[in-house]
């Protein structure tokens, strides 16, 4: 078979990488969580 959960593991890693990238690129000190 093809394990969808193993694929999701890779997807989750890419999603968290994307989060790090946009948080490094965008910031607004007018928000409590900038």
ModelCIF file with pLDDT and N, C-alpha, C, O atoms, coordinates in Angstrom:
data_MODEL
#
_entry.id   MODEL 
#
_entity.id                         1 
_entity.type                       polymer 
_entity.pdbx_number_of_molecules   1 
#
_entity_poly.entity_id                      1 
_entity_poly.type                           'polypeptide(L)' 
_entity_poly.nstd_linkage                   no 
_entity_poly.nstd_monomer                   no 
_entity_poly.pdbx_seq_one_letter_code       
;(UNK)(UNK)(UNK)(UNK)(UNK)(UNK)(UNK)(UNK)(UNK)(UNK)(UNK)(UNK)(UNK)(UNK)(UNK)(UNK)
(UNK)(UNK)(UNK)(UNK)(UNK)(UNK)(UNK)(UNK)(UNK)(UNK)(UNK)(UNK)(UNK)(UNK)(UNK)(UNK)
(UNK)(UNK)
;
_entity_poly.pdbx_seq_one_letter_code_can   XXXXXXXXXXXXXXXXXXXXXXXXXXXXXXXXXX 
_entity_poly.pdbx_strand_id                 A 
#
loop_
_entity_poly_seq.entity_id 
_entity_poly_seq.num 
_entity_poly_seq.mon_id 
_entity_poly_seq.hetero 
1 1  UNK n 
1 2  UNK n 
1 3  UNK n 
1 4  UNK n 
1 5  UNK n 
1 6  UNK n 
1 7  UNK n 
1 8  UNK n 
1 9  UNK n 
1 10 UNK n 
1 11 UNK n 
1 12 UNK n 
1 13 UNK n 
1 14 UNK n 
1 15 UNK n 
1 16 UNK n 
1 17 UNK n 
1 18 UNK n 
1 19 UNK n 
1 20 UNK n 
1 21 UNK n 
1 22 UNK n 
1 23 UNK n 
1 24 UNK n 
1 25 UNK n 
1 26 UNK n 
1 27 UNK n 
1 28 UNK n 
1 29 UNK n 
1 30 UNK n 
1 31 UNK n 
1 32 UNK n 
1 33 UNK n 
1 34 UNK n 
#
_struct_asym.id          A 
_struct_asym.entity_id   1 
#
loop_
_ma_qa_metric.id 
_ma_qa_metric.mode 
_ma_qa_metric.name 
_ma_qa_metric.software_group_id 
_ma_qa_metric.type 
1 global pLDDT . pLDDT 
2 local  pLDDT . pLDDT 
#
_ma_qa_metric_global.metric_id      1 
_ma_qa_metric_global.metric_value   97.59 
_ma_qa_metric_global.model_id       1 
_ma_qa_metric_global.ordinal_id     1 
#
loop_
_ma_qa_metric_local.label_asym_id 
_ma_qa_metric_local.label_comp_id 
_ma_qa_metric_local.label_seq_id 
_ma_qa_metric_local.metric_id 
_ma_qa_metric_local.metric_value 
_ma_qa_metric_local.model_id 
_ma_qa_metric_local.ordinal_id 
A UNK 1  2 97.00 1 1  
A UNK 2  2 98.00 1 2  
A UNK 3  2 98.00 1 3  
A UNK 4  2 98.00 1 4  
A UNK 5  2 97.00 1 5  
A UNK 6  2 97.00 1 6  
A UNK 7  2 98.00 1 7  
A UNK 8  2 98.00 1 8  
A UNK 9  2 98.00 1 9  
A UNK 10 2 98.00 1 10 
A UNK 11 2 98.00 1 11 
A UNK 12 2 98.00 1 12 
A UNK 13 2 98.00 1 13 
A UNK 14 2 98.00 1 14 
A UNK 15 2 98.00 1 15 
A UNK 16 2 98.00 1 16 
A UNK 17 2 98.00 1 17 
A UNK 18 2 98.00 1 18 
A UNK 19 2 98.00 1 19 
A UNK 20 2 98.00 1 20 
A UNK 21 2 98.00 1 21 
A UNK 22 2 98.00 1 22 
A UNK 23 2 98.00 1 23 
A UNK 24 2 98.00 1 24 
A UNK 25 2 98.00 1 25 
A UNK 26 2 98.00 1 26 
A UNK 27 2 98.00 1 27 
A UNK 28 2 97.00 1 28 
A UNK 29 2 97.00 1 29 
A UNK 30 2 96.00 1 30 
A UNK 31 2 97.00 1 31 
A UNK 32 2 95.00 1 32 
A UNK 33 2 96.00 1 33 
A UNK 34 2 97.00 1 34 
#
loop_
_atom_site.group_PDB 
_atom_site.id 
_atom_site.type_symbol 
_atom_site.label_atom_id 
_atom_site.label_alt_id 
_atom_site.label_comp_id 
_atom_site.label_asym_id 
_atom_site.label_entity_id 
_atom_site.label_seq_id 
_atom_site.pdbx_PDB_ins_code 
_atom_site.Cartn_x 
_atom_site.Cartn_y 
_atom_site.Cartn_z 
_atom_site.occupancy 
_atom_site.B_iso_or_equiv 
_atom_site.pdbx_formal_charge 
_atom_site.auth_seq_id 
_atom_site.auth_comp_id 
_atom_site.auth_asym_id 
_atom_site.auth_atom_id 
_atom_site.pdbx_PDB_model_num 
ATOM 1   N N  . UNK A 1 1  ? 0.807  -1.216 0.000  1.00 97.00 ? 1  UNK A N  1 
ATOM 2   C CA . UNK A 1 1  ? 0.000  0.000  0.000  1.00 97.00 ? 1  UNK A CA 1 
ATOM 3   C C  . UNK A 1 1  ? 0.837  1.262  0.000  1.00 97.00 ? 1  UNK A C  1 
ATOM 4   O O  . UNK A 1 1  ? 2.058  1.217  -0.153 1.00 97.00 ? 1  UNK A O  1 
ATOM 5   N N  . UNK A 1 2  ? 0.167  2.381  0.172  1.00 98.00 ? 2  UNK A N  1 
ATOM 6   C CA . UNK A 1 2  ? 0.817  3.695  0.279  1.00 98.00 ? 2  UNK A CA 1 
ATOM 7   C C  . UNK A 1 2  ? 0.264  4.360  1.537  1.00 98.00 ? 2  UNK A C  1 
ATOM 8   O O  . UNK A 1 2  ? -0.933 4.635  1.624  1.00 98.00 ? 2  UNK A O  1 
ATOM 9   N N  . UNK A 1 3  ? 1.122  4.612  2.492  1.00 98.00 ? 3  UNK A N  1 
ATOM 10  C CA . UNK A 1 3  ? 0.679  5.057  3.808  1.00 98.00 ? 3  UNK A CA 1 
ATOM 11  C C  . UNK A 1 3  ? 0.413  6.559  3.828  1.00 98.00 ? 3  UNK A C  1 
ATOM 12  O O  . UNK A 1 3  ? 1.340  7.364  3.743  1.00 98.00 ? 3  UNK A O  1 
ATOM 13  N N  . UNK A 1 4  ? -0.859 6.925  3.941  1.00 98.00 ? 4  UNK A N  1 
ATOM 14  C CA . UNK A 1 4  ? -1.249 8.337  3.944  1.00 98.00 ? 4  UNK A CA 1 
ATOM 15  C C  . UNK A 1 4  ? -0.733 9.063  5.179  1.00 98.00 ? 4  UNK A C  1 
ATOM 16  O O  . UNK A 1 4  ? -0.465 10.263 5.120  1.00 98.00 ? 4  UNK A O  1 
ATOM 17  N N  . UNK A 1 5  ? -0.587 8.355  6.300  1.00 97.00 ? 5  UNK A N  1 
ATOM 18  C CA . UNK A 1 5  ? -0.107 8.994  7.516  1.00 97.00 ? 5  UNK A CA 1 
ATOM 19  C C  . UNK A 1 5  ? 1.376  9.369  7.386  1.00 97.00 ? 5  UNK A C  1 
ATOM 20  O O  . UNK A 1 5  ? 1.804  10.404 7.898  1.00 97.00 ? 5  UNK A O  1 
ATOM 21  N N  . UNK A 1 6  ? 2.146  8.536  6.707  1.00 97.00 ? 6  UNK A N  1 
ATOM 22  C CA . UNK A 1 6  ? 3.545  8.870  6.488  1.00 97.00 ? 6  UNK A CA 1 
ATOM 23  C C  . UNK A 1 6  ? 3.669  10.092 5.572  1.00 97.00 ? 6  UNK A C  1 
ATOM 24  O O  . UNK A 1 6  ? 4.547  10.934 5.761  1.00 97.00 ? 6  UNK A O  1 
ATOM 25  N N  . UNK A 1 7  ? 2.784  10.177 4.583  1.00 98.00 ? 7  UNK A N  1 
ATOM 26  C CA . UNK A 1 7  ? 2.768  11.364 3.727  1.00 98.00 ? 7  UNK A CA 1 
ATOM 27  C C  . UNK A 1 7  ? 2.406  12.605 4.535  1.00 98.00 ? 7  UNK A C  1 
ATOM 28  O O  . UNK A 1 7  ? 2.973  13.678 4.328  1.00 98.00 ? 7  UNK A O  1 
ATOM 29  N N  . UNK A 1 8  ? 1.457  12.451 5.460  1.00 98.00 ? 8  UNK A N  1 
ATOM 30  C CA . UNK A 1 8  ? 1.049  13.583 6.276  1.00 98.00 ? 8  UNK A CA 1 
ATOM 31  C C  . UNK A 1 8  ? 2.192  14.048 7.165  1.00 98.00 ? 8  UNK A C  1 
ATOM 32  O O  . UNK A 1 8  ? 2.305  15.237 7.464  1.00 98.00 ? 8  UNK A O  1 
ATOM 33  N N  . UNK A 1 9  ? 3.044  13.112 7.589  1.00 98.00 ? 9  UNK A N  1 
ATOM 34  C CA . UNK A 1 9  ? 4.209  13.487 8.375  1.00 98.00 ? 9  UNK A CA 1 
ATOM 35  C C  . UNK A 1 9  ? 5.080  14.468 7.586  1.00 98.00 ? 9  UNK A C  1 
ATOM 36  O O  . UNK A 1 9  ? 5.545  15.472 8.124  1.00 98.00 ? 9  UNK A O  1 
ATOM 37  N N  . UNK A 1 10 ? 5.293  14.162 6.304  1.00 98.00 ? 10 UNK A N  1 
ATOM 38  C CA . UNK A 1 10 ? 6.090  15.057 5.458  1.00 98.00 ? 10 UNK A CA 1 
ATOM 39  C C  . UNK A 1 10 ? 5.363  16.381 5.225  1.00 98.00 ? 10 UNK A C  1 
ATOM 40  O O  . UNK A 1 10 ? 5.985  17.443 5.207  1.00 98.00 ? 10 UNK A O  1 
ATOM 41  N N  . UNK A 1 11 ? 4.051  16.310 5.047  1.00 98.00 ? 11 UNK A N  1 
ATOM 42  C CA . UNK A 1 11 ? 3.255  17.527 4.857  1.00 98.00 ? 11 UNK A CA 1 
ATOM 43  C C  . UNK A 1 11 ? 3.341  18.428 6.082  1.00 98.00 ? 11 UNK A C  1 
ATOM 44  O O  . UNK A 1 11 ? 3.526  19.638 5.958  1.00 98.00 ? 11 UNK A O  1 
ATOM 45  N N  . UNK A 1 12 ? 3.206  17.834 7.263  1.00 98.00 ? 12 UNK A N  1 
ATOM 46  C CA . UNK A 1 12 ? 3.259  18.627 8.489  1.00 98.00 ? 12 UNK A CA 1 
ATOM 47  C C  . UNK A 1 12 ? 4.621  19.318 8.629  1.00 98.00 ? 12 UNK A C  1 
ATOM 48  O O  . UNK A 1 12 ? 4.691  20.472 9.050  1.00 98.00 ? 12 UNK A O  1 
ATOM 49  N N  . UNK A 1 13 ? 5.691  18.617 8.280  1.00 98.00 ? 13 UNK A N  1 
ATOM 50  C CA . UNK A 1 13 ? 7.001  19.236 8.334  1.00 98.00 ? 13 UNK A CA 1 
ATOM 51  C C  . UNK A 1 13 ? 7.106  20.429 7.402  1.00 98.00 ? 13 UNK A C  1 
ATOM 52  O O  . UNK A 1 13 ? 7.680  21.456 7.763  1.00 98.00 ? 13 UNK A O  1 
ATOM 53  N N  . UNK A 1 14 ? 6.550  20.296 6.195  1.00 98.00 ? 14 UNK A N  1 
ATOM 54  C CA . UNK A 1 14 ? 6.576  21.406 5.234  1.00 98.00 ? 14 UNK A CA 1 
ATOM 55  C C  . UNK A 1 14 ? 5.705  22.566 5.715  1.00 98.00 ? 14 UNK A C  1 
ATOM 56  O O  . UNK A 1 14 ? 6.040  23.732 5.507  1.00 98.00 ? 14 UNK A O  1 
ATOM 57  N N  . UNK A 1 15 ? 4.599  22.238 6.351  1.00 98.00 ? 15 UNK A N  1 
ATOM 58  C CA . UNK A 1 15 ? 3.701  23.275 6.874  1.00 98.00 ? 15 UNK A CA 1 
ATOM 59  C C  . UNK A 1 15 ? 4.389  24.091 7.968  1.00 98.00 ? 15 UNK A C  1 
ATOM 60  O O  . UNK A 1 15 ? 4.281  25.317 7.991  1.00 98.00 ? 15 UNK A O  1 
ATOM 61  N N  . UNK A 1 16 ? 5.092  23.417 8.868  1.00 98.00 ? 16 UNK A N  1 
ATOM 62  C CA . UNK A 1 16 ? 5.805  24.117 9.934  1.00 98.00 ? 16 UNK A CA 1 
ATOM 63  C C  . UNK A 1 16 ? 6.977  24.933 9.383  1.00 98.00 ? 16 UNK A C  1 
ATOM 64  O O  . UNK A 1 16 ? 7.308  25.994 9.912  1.00 98.00 ? 16 UNK A O  1 
ATOM 65  N N  . UNK A 1 17 ? 7.598  24.425 8.317  1.00 98.00 ? 17 UNK A N  1 
ATOM 66  C CA . UNK A 1 17 ? 8.651  25.191 7.660  1.00 98.00 ? 17 UNK A CA 1 
ATOM 67  C C  . UNK A 1 17 ? 8.068  26.459 7.044  1.00 98.00 ? 17 UNK A C  1 
ATOM 68  O O  . UNK A 1 17 ? 8.661  27.533 7.151  1.00 98.00 ? 17 UNK A O  1 
ATOM 69  N N  . UNK A 1 18 ? 6.915  26.339 6.404  1.00 98.00 ? 18 UNK A N  1 
ATOM 70  C CA . UNK A 1 18 ? 6.234  27.498 5.825  1.00 98.00 ? 18 UNK A CA 1 
ATOM 71  C C  . UNK A 1 18 ? 5.901  28.514 6.910  1.00 98.00 ? 18 UNK A C  1 
ATOM 72  O O  . UNK A 1 18 ? 6.056  29.720 6.714  1.00 98.00 ? 18 UNK A O  1 
ATOM 73  N N  . UNK A 1 19 ? 5.439  28.015 8.064  1.00 98.00 ? 19 UNK A N  1 
ATOM 74  C CA . UNK A 1 19 ? 5.134  28.920 9.176  1.00 98.00 ? 19 UNK A CA 1 
ATOM 75  C C  . UNK A 1 19 ? 6.360  29.711 9.597  1.00 98.00 ? 19 UNK A C  1 
ATOM 76  O O  . UNK A 1 19 ? 6.277  30.923 9.795  1.00 98.00 ? 19 UNK A O  1 
ATOM 77  N N  . UNK A 1 20 ? 7.490  29.044 9.736  1.00 98.00 ? 20 UNK A N  1 
ATOM 78  C CA . UNK A 1 20 ? 8.731  29.729 10.129 1.00 98.00 ? 20 UNK A CA 1 
ATOM 79  C C  . UNK A 1 20 ? 9.115  30.797 9.112  1.00 98.00 ? 20 UNK A C  1 
ATOM 80  O O  . UNK A 1 20 ? 9.583  31.875 9.479  1.00 98.00 ? 20 UNK A O  1 
ATOM 81  N N  . UNK A 1 21 ? 8.915  30.494 7.849  1.00 98.00 ? 21 UNK A N  1 
ATOM 82  C CA . UNK A 1 21 ? 9.301  31.433 6.797  1.00 98.00 ? 21 UNK A CA 1 
ATOM 83  C C  . UNK A 1 21 ? 8.430  32.691 6.816  1.00 98.00 ? 21 UNK A C  1 
ATOM 84  O O  . UNK A 1 21 ? 8.949  33.802 6.714  1.00 98.00 ? 21 UNK A O  1 
ATOM 85  N N  . UNK A 1 22 ? 7.108  32.524 6.945  1.00 98.00 ? 22 UNK A N  1 
ATOM 86  C CA . UNK A 1 22 ? 6.255  33.717 6.927  1.00 98.00 ? 22 UNK A CA 1 
ATOM 87  C C  . UNK A 1 22 ? 6.415  34.522 8.216  1.00 98.00 ? 22 UNK A C  1 
ATOM 88  O O  . UNK A 1 22 ? 6.253  35.742 8.207  1.00 98.00 ? 22 UNK A O  1 
ATOM 89  N N  . UNK A 1 23 ? 6.733  33.845 9.326  1.00 98.00 ? 23 UNK A N  1 
ATOM 90  C CA . UNK A 1 23 ? 6.956  34.583 10.560 1.00 98.00 ? 23 UNK A CA 1 
ATOM 91  C C  . UNK A 1 23 ? 8.271  35.368 10.517 1.00 98.00 ? 23 UNK A C  1 
ATOM 92  O O  . UNK A 1 23 ? 8.394  36.412 11.158 1.00 98.00 ? 23 UNK A O  1 
ATOM 93  N N  . UNK A 1 24 ? 9.244  34.865 9.766  1.00 98.00 ? 24 UNK A N  1 
ATOM 94  C CA . UNK A 1 24 ? 10.496 35.606 9.596  1.00 98.00 ? 24 UNK A CA 1 
ATOM 95  C C  . UNK A 1 24 ? 10.314 36.785 8.641  1.00 98.00 ? 24 UNK A C  1 
ATOM 96  O O  . UNK A 1 24 ? 11.025 37.785 8.742  1.00 98.00 ? 24 UNK A O  1 
ATOM 97  N N  . UNK A 1 25 ? 9.364  36.667 7.718  1.00 98.00 ? 25 UNK A N  1 
ATOM 98  C CA . UNK A 1 25 ? 9.178  37.683 6.686  1.00 98.00 ? 25 UNK A CA 1 
ATOM 99  C C  . UNK A 1 25 ? 8.226  38.792 7.103  1.00 98.00 ? 25 UNK A C  1 
ATOM 100 O O  . UNK A 1 25 ? 8.418  39.948 6.725  1.00 98.00 ? 25 UNK A O  1 
ATOM 101 N N  . UNK A 1 26 ? 7.188  38.447 7.889  1.00 98.00 ? 26 UNK A N  1 
ATOM 102 C CA . UNK A 1 26 ? 6.133  39.412 8.217  1.00 98.00 ? 26 UNK A CA 1 
ATOM 103 C C  . UNK A 1 26 ? 6.060  39.647 9.726  1.00 98.00 ? 26 UNK A C  1 
ATOM 104 O O  . UNK A 1 26 ? 6.114  38.708 10.520 1.00 98.00 ? 26 UNK A O  1 
ATOM 105 N N  . UNK A 1 27 ? 5.936  40.909 10.099 1.00 98.00 ? 27 UNK A N  1 
ATOM 106 C CA . UNK A 1 27 ? 5.792  41.260 11.511 1.00 98.00 ? 27 UNK A CA 1 
ATOM 107 C C  . UNK A 1 27 ? 5.100  42.609 11.625 1.00 98.00 ? 27 UNK A C  1 
ATOM 108 O O  . UNK A 1 27 ? 5.313  43.498 10.801 1.00 98.00 ? 27 UNK A O  1 
ATOM 109 N N  . UNK A 1 28 ? 4.276  42.753 12.643 1.00 97.00 ? 28 UNK A N  1 
ATOM 110 C CA . UNK A 1 28 ? 3.581  44.020 12.896 1.00 97.00 ? 28 UNK A CA 1 
ATOM 111 C C  . UNK A 1 28 ? 3.503  44.208 14.403 1.00 97.00 ? 28 UNK A C  1 
ATOM 112 O O  . UNK A 1 28 ? 2.755  43.504 15.082 1.00 97.00 ? 28 UNK A O  1 
ATOM 113 N N  . UNK A 1 29 ? 4.270  45.150 14.923 1.00 97.00 ? 29 UNK A N  1 
ATOM 114 C CA . UNK A 1 29 ? 4.339  45.354 16.372 1.00 97.00 ? 29 UNK A CA 1 
ATOM 115 C C  . UNK A 1 29 ? 3.064  45.950 16.956 1.00 97.00 ? 29 UNK A C  1 
ATOM 116 O O  . UNK A 1 29 ? 2.951  46.102 18.173 1.00 97.00 ? 29 UNK A O  1 
ATOM 117 N N  . UNK A 1 30 ? 2.106  46.286 16.100 1.00 96.00 ? 30 UNK A N  1 
ATOM 118 C CA . UNK A 1 30 ? 0.824  46.759 16.606 1.00 96.00 ? 30 UNK A CA 1 
ATOM 119 C C  . UNK A 1 30 ? -0.044 45.654 17.181 1.00 96.00 ? 30 UNK A C  1 
ATOM 120 O O  . UNK A 1 30 ? -1.097 45.926 17.758 1.00 96.00 ? 30 UNK A O  1 
ATOM 121 N N  . UNK A 1 31 ? 0.393  44.396 17.028 1.00 97.00 ? 31 UNK A N  1 
ATOM 122 C CA . UNK A 1 31 ? -0.358 43.265 17.557 1.00 97.00 ? 31 UNK A CA 1 
ATOM 123 C C  . UNK A 1 31 ? 0.372  42.655 18.748 1.00 97.00 ? 31 UNK A C  1 
ATOM 124 O O  . UNK A 1 31 ? 1.602  42.649 18.800 1.00 97.00 ? 31 UNK A O  1 
ATOM 125 N N  . UNK A 1 32 ? -0.396 42.144 19.700 1.00 95.00 ? 32 UNK A N  1 
ATOM 126 C CA . UNK A 1 32 ? 0.204  41.497 20.864 1.00 95.00 ? 32 UNK A CA 1 
ATOM 127 C C  . UNK A 1 32 ? 1.069  40.316 20.426 1.00 95.00 ? 32 UNK A C  1 
ATOM 128 O O  . UNK A 1 32 ? 2.144  40.094 20.982 1.00 95.00 ? 32 UNK A O  1 
ATOM 129 N N  . UNK A 1 33 ? 0.607  39.565 19.440 1.00 96.00 ? 33 UNK A N  1 
ATOM 130 C CA . UNK A 1 33 ? 1.411  38.521 18.803 1.00 96.00 ? 33 UNK A CA 1 
ATOM 131 C C  . UNK A 1 33 ? 1.754  39.074 17.426 1.00 96.00 ? 33 UNK A C  1 
ATOM 132 O O  . UNK A 1 33 ? 0.915  39.040 16.526 1.00 96.00 ? 33 UNK A O  1 
ATOM 133 N N  . UNK A 1 34 ? 2.973  39.582 17.247 1.00 97.00 ? 34 UNK A N  1 
ATOM 134 C CA . UNK A 1 34 ? 3.279  40.422 16.082 1.00 97.00 ? 34 UNK A CA 1 
ATOM 135 C C  . UNK A 1 34 ? 3.464  39.682 14.769 1.00 97.00 ? 34 UNK A C  1 
ATOM 136 O O  . UNK A 1 34 ? 3.723  40.305 13.740 1.00 97.00 ? 34 UNK A O  1 
#
